[in-house]
Protein backbone atom coordinates (compact mmCIF):
# COMPACT_ATOMS: atom_id res chain seq x y z
CA MET A 1 -6.66 -11.48 30.54
CA ASN A 2 -7.22 -9.53 27.38
CA LEU A 3 -4.01 -7.55 27.00
CA PRO A 4 -2.81 -6.08 23.70
CA TYR A 5 0.00 -8.07 22.15
CA THR A 6 2.54 -6.46 19.86
CA MET A 7 4.18 -8.80 17.34
CA PRO A 8 7.36 -7.91 15.55
CA VAL A 9 6.68 -6.85 11.97
CA GLU A 10 8.37 -10.01 10.67
CA GLU A 11 6.06 -12.26 12.73
CA ALA A 12 3.00 -10.27 11.64
CA THR A 13 4.08 -10.76 8.02
CA GLU A 14 4.27 -14.53 8.54
CA CYS A 15 0.78 -14.55 10.08
CA ILE A 16 -0.64 -12.48 7.23
CA ARG A 17 0.83 -14.92 4.70
CA ALA A 18 -0.60 -17.88 6.64
CA PHE A 19 -4.14 -16.46 6.97
CA GLU A 20 -4.24 -14.71 3.56
CA PRO A 21 -6.74 -11.96 4.46
CA ASP A 22 -7.93 -9.51 1.82
CA VAL A 23 -7.20 -6.46 4.01
CA VAL A 24 -4.98 -5.83 7.07
CA TYR A 25 -5.22 -2.88 9.48
CA PRO A 26 -2.03 -2.69 11.58
CA PHE A 27 -2.92 -1.36 15.03
CA HIS A 28 -0.72 -2.62 17.89
CA TYR A 29 2.69 -1.73 16.47
CA ARG A 30 4.13 0.13 19.50
CA GLY A 31 6.92 2.22 18.00
CA GLN A 32 7.52 -0.04 14.98
CA ASP A 33 7.12 1.19 11.42
CA PRO A 34 3.82 -0.31 10.14
CA SER A 35 4.72 0.55 6.53
CA LYS A 36 7.41 -2.14 6.78
CA LEU A 37 4.57 -4.70 6.44
CA GLU A 38 4.00 -3.58 2.86
CA GLN A 39 7.71 -3.91 2.12
CA LEU A 40 7.98 -7.39 3.65
CA LEU A 41 4.84 -8.68 1.94
CA GLY A 42 6.17 -7.46 -1.40
CA ASP A 43 4.44 -6.64 -4.65
CA GLU A 44 3.37 -10.26 -5.26
CA SER A 45 1.03 -10.18 -2.26
CA SER A 46 -2.66 -9.55 -2.90
CA VAL A 47 -3.18 -8.39 0.72
CA GLU A 48 -4.11 -4.71 1.03
CA VAL A 49 -2.39 -3.03 3.99
CA ARG A 50 -4.45 -0.06 5.21
CA LEU A 51 -2.37 2.29 7.31
CA LEU A 52 -4.43 4.65 9.47
CA GLU A 53 -3.46 7.23 12.10
CA TRP A 54 -4.62 5.23 15.14
CA HIS A 55 -2.27 6.90 17.60
CA PRO A 56 -1.98 10.69 17.91
CA ALA A 57 1.47 12.14 17.39
CA ALA A 58 3.35 13.01 20.56
CA GLU A 59 3.57 16.71 21.24
């Protein structure tokens, strides 16, 4: 099955540090604050976190 998986922000941060990508686009964050990734990675990280409006705001 190909179901979306939502990692906690802390686990996503560990994966980002392990893979060391140049750019990350958080997508499956289901109610979590994706900007927390930037905070957890810190200023010493060279990874660019691109936050986009993937999900429309609830009306």
